[in-house]
């Protein structure tokens, strides 16, 4: 039986701690920079592309029944995963704005809590979900 040498144990321990720290920094980050990006929703003949900019503005394109609409507005984070969109946000998946004019959602992270997606509306499990796009 081969017994590891102390330098190898120290190196492996350092590597594991470094990987854990990197994962935690990404998984726990719900800041504007981490959430901003391009997201896509597609379901039942309806499609929407949502671009969240770091300056807290958004651009949205929605296609439904051969009709395309565009909108731009502002978005804000609150708490760890809550997100709200201004009144310009176009309704999707039969979810429209609340009585105050804002549309509310939640940022949820998938795949080891690394990849964000956005669920809008009150049903956080089955509501319309925008998936993060990395490539066009």
N, C-alpha and C. Protein backbone atom coordinates (compact mmCIF):
# COMPACT_ATOMS: atom_id res chain seq x y z
N UNK A 1 0.84 -1.17 0.00
CA UNK A 1 0.00 0.00 0.00
C UNK A 1 0.89 1.24 0.00
N UNK A 2 0.57 2.16 -0.87
CA UNK A 2 1.35 3.38 -1.01
C UNK A 2 0.73 4.46 -0.13
N UNK A 3 1.52 5.07 0.70
CA UNK A 3 1.05 6.14 1.58
C UNK A 3 1.41 7.47 0.94
N UNK A 4 0.39 8.37 0.77
CA UNK A 4 0.68 9.67 0.16
C UNK A 4 1.66 10.48 0.99
N UNK A 5 2.48 11.21 0.29
CA UNK A 5 3.45 12.07 0.95
C UNK A 5 2.75 13.35 1.40
N UNK A 6 3.23 13.97 2.47
CA UNK A 6 2.59 15.20 2.96
C UNK A 6 2.45 16.30 1.90
N UNK A 7 3.41 16.54 1.02
CA UNK A 7 3.20 17.58 0.00
C UNK A 7 2.03 17.27 -0.93
N UNK A 8 1.83 15.99 -1.25
CA UNK A 8 0.70 15.61 -2.11
C UNK A 8 -0.63 15.85 -1.39
N UNK A 9 -0.67 15.53 -0.13
CA UNK A 9 -1.89 15.75 0.65
C UNK A 9 -2.21 17.24 0.72
N UNK A 10 -1.19 18.05 0.95
CA UNK A 10 -1.38 19.50 1.01
C UNK A 10 -1.85 20.02 -0.34
N UNK A 11 -1.26 19.55 -1.43
CA UNK A 11 -1.63 20.01 -2.77
C UNK A 11 -3.08 19.63 -3.10
N UNK A 12 -3.47 18.40 -2.84
CA UNK A 12 -4.84 17.97 -3.10
C UNK A 12 -5.84 18.72 -2.23
N UNK A 13 -5.49 18.95 -0.99
CA UNK A 13 -6.37 19.71 -0.09
C UNK A 13 -6.54 21.13 -0.60
N UNK A 14 -5.47 21.76 -1.01
CA UNK A 14 -5.52 23.12 -1.54
C UNK A 14 -6.38 23.16 -2.82
N UNK A 15 -6.19 22.17 -3.69
CA UNK A 15 -6.96 22.11 -4.93
C UNK A 15 -8.45 21.97 -4.64
N UNK A 16 -8.82 21.08 -3.75
CA UNK A 16 -10.23 20.88 -3.41
C UNK A 16 -10.85 22.13 -2.79
N UNK A 17 -10.12 22.78 -1.92
CA UNK A 17 -10.62 24.02 -1.30
C UNK A 17 -10.77 25.11 -2.35
N UNK A 18 -9.83 25.21 -3.27
CA UNK A 18 -9.91 26.21 -4.34
C UNK A 18 -11.11 25.97 -5.25
N UNK A 19 -11.35 24.73 -5.63
CA UNK A 19 -12.50 24.40 -6.49
C UNK A 19 -13.80 24.72 -5.76
N UNK A 20 -13.89 24.37 -4.48
CA UNK A 20 -15.09 24.67 -3.71
C UNK A 20 -15.31 26.17 -3.62
N UNK A 21 -14.27 26.95 -3.36
CA UNK A 21 -14.41 28.41 -3.25
C UNK A 21 -14.86 29.03 -4.57
N UNK A 22 -14.31 28.56 -5.69
CA UNK A 22 -14.72 29.06 -7.00
C UNK A 22 -16.19 28.73 -7.25
N UNK A 23 -16.59 27.48 -7.00
CA UNK A 23 -17.98 27.09 -7.20
C UNK A 23 -18.90 27.96 -6.34
N UNK A 24 -18.56 28.17 -5.10
CA UNK A 24 -19.41 28.95 -4.20
C UNK A 24 -19.54 30.40 -4.67
N UNK A 25 -18.44 30.98 -5.14
CA UNK A 25 -18.50 32.37 -5.62
C UNK A 25 -19.48 32.51 -6.78
N UNK A 26 -19.51 31.53 -7.68
CA UNK A 26 -20.41 31.58 -8.83
C UNK A 26 -21.83 31.23 -8.40
N UNK A 27 -22.00 30.18 -7.62
CA UNK A 27 -23.33 29.70 -7.23
C UNK A 27 -24.07 30.70 -6.35
N UNK A 28 -23.38 31.42 -5.51
CA UNK A 28 -24.02 32.34 -4.57
C UNK A 28 -24.19 33.75 -5.14
N UNK A 29 -23.72 33.98 -6.35
CA UNK A 29 -23.77 35.32 -6.94
C UNK A 29 -25.08 35.52 -7.70
N UNK A 30 -25.93 36.38 -7.19
CA UNK A 30 -27.17 36.76 -7.85
C UNK A 30 -27.13 38.24 -8.24
N UNK A 31 -25.95 38.81 -8.33
CA UNK A 31 -25.79 40.23 -8.65
C UNK A 31 -26.18 40.53 -10.09
N UNK A 32 -26.23 41.82 -10.40
CA UNK A 32 -26.63 42.25 -11.74
C UNK A 32 -25.72 41.67 -12.82
N UNK A 33 -24.43 41.61 -12.54
CA UNK A 33 -23.50 41.06 -13.53
C UNK A 33 -23.71 39.58 -13.78
N UNK A 34 -24.05 38.83 -12.74
CA UNK A 34 -24.25 37.39 -12.88
C UNK A 34 -25.57 37.07 -13.57
N UNK A 35 -26.57 37.89 -13.37
CA UNK A 35 -27.90 37.63 -13.93
C UNK A 35 -28.03 38.19 -15.34
N UNK A 36 -27.31 39.25 -15.66
CA UNK A 36 -27.45 39.85 -16.98
C UNK A 36 -27.01 38.86 -18.06
N UNK A 37 -27.63 38.99 -19.22
CA UNK A 37 -27.35 38.09 -20.33
C UNK A 37 -28.58 37.91 -21.19
N UNK A 38 -28.54 36.93 -22.08
CA UNK A 38 -29.64 36.67 -23.00
C UNK A 38 -30.37 35.40 -22.56
N UNK A 39 -31.70 35.50 -22.51
CA UNK A 39 -32.55 34.39 -22.09
C UNK A 39 -33.60 34.13 -23.17
N UNK A 40 -34.08 32.90 -23.23
CA UNK A 40 -35.05 32.53 -24.26
C UNK A 40 -36.18 31.70 -23.65
N UNK A 41 -37.41 32.03 -24.08
CA UNK A 41 -38.61 31.29 -23.69
C UNK A 41 -39.29 30.80 -24.96
N UNK A 42 -39.67 29.52 -25.00
CA UNK A 42 -40.41 28.96 -26.12
C UNK A 42 -41.40 27.95 -25.60
N UNK A 43 -42.67 28.13 -25.96
CA UNK A 43 -43.68 27.16 -25.57
C UNK A 43 -44.96 27.43 -26.34
N UNK A 44 -45.55 26.38 -26.88
CA UNK A 44 -46.85 26.46 -27.53
C UNK A 44 -46.96 27.50 -28.62
N UNK A 45 -45.97 27.62 -29.49
CA UNK A 45 -46.03 28.59 -30.57
C UNK A 45 -45.67 30.01 -30.16
N UNK A 46 -45.35 30.21 -28.91
CA UNK A 46 -44.95 31.54 -28.42
C UNK A 46 -43.46 31.50 -28.11
N UNK A 47 -42.76 32.56 -28.48
CA UNK A 47 -41.32 32.64 -28.22
C UNK A 47 -40.97 34.06 -27.79
N UNK A 48 -40.01 34.15 -26.90
CA UNK A 48 -39.57 35.47 -26.43
C UNK A 48 -38.09 35.42 -26.11
N UNK A 49 -37.38 36.43 -26.54
CA UNK A 49 -35.97 36.60 -26.21
C UNK A 49 -35.86 37.80 -25.29
N UNK A 50 -35.20 37.62 -24.17
CA UNK A 50 -35.06 38.65 -23.15
C UNK A 50 -33.58 38.92 -22.93
N UNK A 51 -33.16 40.15 -23.15
CA UNK A 51 -31.78 40.54 -22.93
C UNK A 51 -31.73 41.46 -21.72
N UNK A 52 -31.06 41.01 -20.67
CA UNK A 52 -30.88 41.80 -19.46
C UNK A 52 -29.50 42.43 -19.49
N UNK A 53 -29.44 43.74 -19.51
CA UNK A 53 -28.17 44.45 -19.54
C UNK A 53 -27.70 44.77 -18.13
N UNK A 54 -26.41 44.90 -17.96
CA UNK A 54 -25.84 45.20 -16.64
C UNK A 54 -26.26 46.56 -16.12
N UNK A 55 -26.66 47.47 -17.01
CA UNK A 55 -27.10 48.79 -16.58
C UNK A 55 -28.56 48.80 -16.13
N UNK A 56 -29.13 47.60 -15.95
CA UNK A 56 -30.49 47.38 -15.42
C UNK A 56 -31.58 47.73 -16.43
N UNK A 57 -31.26 47.69 -17.70
CA UNK A 57 -32.28 47.84 -18.73
C UNK A 57 -32.48 46.47 -19.39
N UNK A 58 -33.64 46.29 -20.01
CA UNK A 58 -33.87 45.05 -20.73
C UNK A 58 -34.46 45.34 -22.10
N UNK A 59 -34.24 44.41 -23.01
CA UNK A 59 -34.84 44.41 -24.34
C UNK A 59 -35.57 43.09 -24.46
N UNK A 60 -36.77 43.12 -25.02
CA UNK A 60 -37.54 41.90 -25.16
C UNK A 60 -38.19 41.86 -26.53
N UNK A 61 -38.09 40.71 -27.18
CA UNK A 61 -38.79 40.43 -28.43
C UNK A 61 -39.73 39.27 -28.15
N UNK A 62 -40.97 39.39 -28.59
CA UNK A 62 -41.94 38.31 -28.40
C UNK A 62 -42.64 38.03 -29.71
N UNK A 63 -42.71 36.75 -30.08
CA UNK A 63 -43.40 36.33 -31.29
C UNK A 63 -44.52 35.37 -30.89
N UNK A 64 -45.71 35.67 -31.37
CA UNK A 64 -46.86 34.82 -31.08
C UNK A 64 -47.88 34.98 -32.20
N UNK A 65 -48.33 33.86 -32.73
CA UNK A 65 -49.33 33.84 -33.80
C UNK A 65 -48.92 34.71 -34.98
N UNK A 66 -47.65 34.65 -35.36
CA UNK A 66 -47.14 35.39 -36.50
C UNK A 66 -46.93 36.87 -36.28
N UNK A 67 -47.13 37.32 -35.06
CA UNK A 67 -46.98 38.74 -34.73
C UNK A 67 -45.75 38.91 -33.83
N UNK A 68 -44.91 39.89 -34.14
CA UNK A 68 -43.71 40.15 -33.34
C UNK A 68 -43.84 41.51 -32.67
N UNK A 69 -43.52 41.54 -31.38
CA UNK A 69 -43.53 42.78 -30.61
C UNK A 69 -42.17 42.97 -29.96
N UNK A 70 -41.82 44.21 -29.73
CA UNK A 70 -40.57 44.55 -29.06
C UNK A 70 -40.86 45.48 -27.90
N UNK A 71 -40.06 45.36 -26.86
CA UNK A 71 -40.22 46.23 -25.69
C UNK A 71 -38.86 46.48 -25.07
N UNK A 72 -38.76 47.60 -24.38
CA UNK A 72 -37.56 47.86 -23.58
C UNK A 72 -38.00 48.56 -22.31
N UNK A 73 -37.31 48.25 -21.23
CA UNK A 73 -37.66 48.81 -19.93
C UNK A 73 -36.52 48.60 -18.95
N UNK A 74 -36.85 48.57 -17.67
CA UNK A 74 -35.83 48.40 -16.64
C UNK A 74 -36.17 47.17 -15.79
N UNK A 75 -35.15 46.64 -15.17
CA UNK A 75 -35.31 45.49 -14.28
C UNK A 75 -34.51 45.73 -13.01
N UNK A 76 -34.97 45.12 -11.92
CA UNK A 76 -34.29 45.26 -10.62
C UNK A 76 -34.29 43.92 -9.91
N UNK A 77 -33.26 43.69 -9.16
CA UNK A 77 -33.17 42.52 -8.29
C UNK A 77 -33.59 42.93 -6.89
N UNK A 78 -34.09 41.98 -6.14
CA UNK A 78 -34.33 42.21 -4.72
C UNK A 78 -34.14 40.88 -4.00
N UNK A 79 -33.49 40.93 -2.88
CA UNK A 79 -33.22 39.68 -2.16
C UNK A 79 -32.24 38.82 -2.91
N UNK A 80 -32.29 37.53 -2.64
CA UNK A 80 -31.34 36.63 -3.27
C UNK A 80 -31.70 36.28 -4.71
N UNK A 81 -32.97 36.07 -4.99
CA UNK A 81 -33.30 35.66 -6.34
C UNK A 81 -34.49 36.36 -6.96
N UNK A 82 -35.10 37.28 -6.26
CA UNK A 82 -36.27 37.96 -6.82
C UNK A 82 -35.86 38.96 -7.90
N UNK A 83 -36.72 39.10 -8.89
CA UNK A 83 -36.45 40.03 -9.98
C UNK A 83 -37.78 40.67 -10.38
N UNK A 84 -37.74 41.94 -10.72
CA UNK A 84 -38.96 42.63 -11.16
C UNK A 84 -38.67 43.39 -12.44
N UNK A 85 -39.68 43.38 -13.32
CA UNK A 85 -39.58 44.05 -14.62
C UNK A 85 -40.59 45.18 -14.66
N UNK A 86 -40.22 46.29 -15.29
CA UNK A 86 -41.11 47.45 -15.40
C UNK A 86 -42.33 47.13 -16.26
N UNK A 87 -43.25 48.06 -16.32
CA UNK A 87 -44.53 47.84 -16.99
C UNK A 87 -44.40 47.56 -18.48
N UNK A 88 -43.25 47.85 -19.08
CA UNK A 88 -43.05 47.60 -20.51
C UNK A 88 -42.87 46.11 -20.84
N UNK A 89 -42.63 45.28 -19.83
CA UNK A 89 -42.42 43.84 -20.04
C UNK A 89 -43.65 43.24 -20.71
N UNK A 90 -43.43 42.50 -21.80
CA UNK A 90 -44.52 41.87 -22.54
C UNK A 90 -44.93 40.56 -21.86
N UNK A 91 -46.22 40.36 -21.69
CA UNK A 91 -46.69 39.14 -21.02
C UNK A 91 -46.35 37.92 -21.86
N UNK A 92 -46.04 36.83 -21.17
CA UNK A 92 -45.72 35.57 -21.84
C UNK A 92 -46.40 34.43 -21.10
N UNK A 93 -46.70 33.38 -21.83
CA UNK A 93 -47.27 32.20 -21.19
C UNK A 93 -48.47 32.50 -20.32
N UNK A 94 -49.30 33.44 -20.72
CA UNK A 94 -50.50 33.85 -20.00
C UNK A 94 -50.20 34.44 -18.63
N UNK A 95 -48.97 34.92 -18.43
CA UNK A 95 -48.61 35.63 -17.20
C UNK A 95 -48.46 37.10 -17.58
N UNK A 96 -49.24 37.94 -16.95
CA UNK A 96 -49.16 39.37 -17.22
C UNK A 96 -48.73 40.09 -15.95
N UNK A 97 -48.64 41.39 -16.04
CA UNK A 97 -48.16 42.18 -14.91
C UNK A 97 -49.15 42.17 -13.75
N UNK A 98 -48.63 42.45 -12.56
CA UNK A 98 -49.48 42.55 -11.37
C UNK A 98 -50.26 43.87 -11.41
N UNK A 99 -51.08 44.09 -10.40
CA UNK A 99 -51.91 45.30 -10.36
C UNK A 99 -51.08 46.58 -10.28
N UNK A 100 -49.82 46.47 -9.80
CA UNK A 100 -48.96 47.65 -9.74
C UNK A 100 -48.22 47.92 -11.05
N UNK A 101 -48.45 47.08 -12.06
CA UNK A 101 -47.84 47.28 -13.37
C UNK A 101 -46.53 46.54 -13.56
N UNK A 102 -45.94 46.01 -12.50
CA UNK A 102 -44.69 45.28 -12.60
C UNK A 102 -44.94 43.80 -12.82
N UNK A 103 -44.00 43.14 -13.46
CA UNK A 103 -44.02 41.69 -13.59
C UNK A 103 -42.91 41.15 -12.71
N UNK A 104 -43.25 40.19 -11.87
CA UNK A 104 -42.29 39.66 -10.90
C UNK A 104 -41.87 38.25 -11.28
N UNK A 105 -40.66 37.92 -10.91
CA UNK A 105 -40.14 36.60 -11.19
C UNK A 105 -39.07 36.22 -10.20
N UNK A 106 -38.40 35.13 -10.51
CA UNK A 106 -37.35 34.63 -9.64
C UNK A 106 -36.22 34.05 -10.48
N UNK A 107 -35.00 34.35 -10.10
CA UNK A 107 -33.83 33.75 -10.73
C UNK A 107 -33.56 32.44 -10.02
N UNK A 108 -33.53 31.37 -10.78
CA UNK A 108 -33.23 30.05 -10.23
C UNK A 108 -31.99 29.53 -10.94
N UNK A 109 -31.09 28.93 -10.19
CA UNK A 109 -29.87 28.41 -10.80
C UNK A 109 -29.93 26.90 -10.89
N UNK A 110 -29.55 26.39 -12.07
CA UNK A 110 -29.57 24.95 -12.36
C UNK A 110 -28.15 24.46 -12.59
N UNK A 111 -28.00 23.17 -12.74
CA UNK A 111 -26.72 22.51 -12.99
C UNK A 111 -25.67 22.95 -11.97
N UNK A 112 -25.74 22.34 -10.81
CA UNK A 112 -24.83 22.64 -9.70
C UNK A 112 -24.93 24.10 -9.25
N UNK A 113 -26.09 24.70 -9.46
CA UNK A 113 -26.35 26.10 -9.09
C UNK A 113 -25.44 27.08 -9.84
N UNK A 114 -25.12 26.76 -11.09
CA UNK A 114 -24.22 27.61 -11.86
C UNK A 114 -24.91 28.36 -13.00
N UNK A 115 -25.98 27.80 -13.58
CA UNK A 115 -26.59 28.39 -14.76
C UNK A 115 -27.96 28.97 -14.39
N UNK A 116 -28.12 30.31 -14.53
CA UNK A 116 -29.38 30.92 -14.14
C UNK A 116 -30.49 30.75 -15.18
N UNK A 117 -31.72 30.67 -14.70
CA UNK A 117 -32.91 30.77 -15.53
C UNK A 117 -33.88 31.69 -14.77
N UNK A 118 -34.86 32.22 -15.47
CA UNK A 118 -35.79 33.17 -14.86
C UNK A 118 -37.21 32.64 -15.03
N UNK A 119 -37.91 32.50 -13.92
CA UNK A 119 -39.30 32.07 -13.94
C UNK A 119 -40.15 33.29 -13.60
N UNK A 120 -41.14 33.59 -14.43
CA UNK A 120 -42.02 34.74 -14.17
C UNK A 120 -43.39 34.26 -13.72
N UNK A 121 -44.08 35.12 -12.99
CA UNK A 121 -45.41 34.79 -12.51
C UNK A 121 -45.37 34.19 -11.12
N UNK A 122 -46.54 33.91 -10.56
CA UNK A 122 -46.61 33.42 -9.18
C UNK A 122 -46.22 31.95 -9.01
N UNK A 123 -46.30 31.15 -10.06
CA UNK A 123 -45.98 29.72 -9.95
C UNK A 123 -44.50 29.50 -10.26
N UNK A 124 -43.69 29.42 -9.23
CA UNK A 124 -42.23 29.30 -9.40
C UNK A 124 -41.78 27.93 -9.90
N UNK A 125 -42.65 26.93 -9.82
CA UNK A 125 -42.30 25.59 -10.29
C UNK A 125 -42.69 25.37 -11.75
N UNK A 126 -43.89 25.84 -12.14
CA UNK A 126 -44.41 25.54 -13.46
C UNK A 126 -44.66 26.77 -14.32
N UNK A 127 -44.29 27.93 -13.84
CA UNK A 127 -44.50 29.16 -14.60
C UNK A 127 -43.60 29.24 -15.82
N UNK A 128 -43.85 30.21 -16.69
CA UNK A 128 -43.00 30.39 -17.87
C UNK A 128 -41.54 30.61 -17.46
N UNK A 129 -40.64 29.89 -18.10
CA UNK A 129 -39.22 29.92 -17.72
C UNK A 129 -38.37 30.37 -18.90
N UNK A 130 -37.59 31.41 -18.67
CA UNK A 130 -36.59 31.86 -19.62
C UNK A 130 -35.29 31.12 -19.31
N UNK A 131 -34.72 30.45 -20.32
CA UNK A 131 -33.46 29.72 -20.15
C UNK A 131 -32.31 30.57 -20.68
N UNK A 132 -31.20 30.54 -19.96
CA UNK A 132 -30.01 31.30 -20.34
C UNK A 132 -29.45 30.78 -21.65
N UNK A 133 -29.11 31.70 -22.54
CA UNK A 133 -28.49 31.35 -23.81
C UNK A 133 -27.03 31.75 -23.78
N UNK A 134 -26.19 30.85 -24.17
CA UNK A 134 -24.76 31.14 -24.21
C UNK A 134 -24.26 31.28 -25.64
N UNK A 135 -24.93 30.64 -26.58
CA UNK A 135 -24.53 30.69 -27.98
C UNK A 135 -25.76 30.99 -28.83
N UNK A 136 -25.57 31.70 -29.93
CA UNK A 136 -26.68 31.97 -30.85
C UNK A 136 -26.82 30.88 -31.86
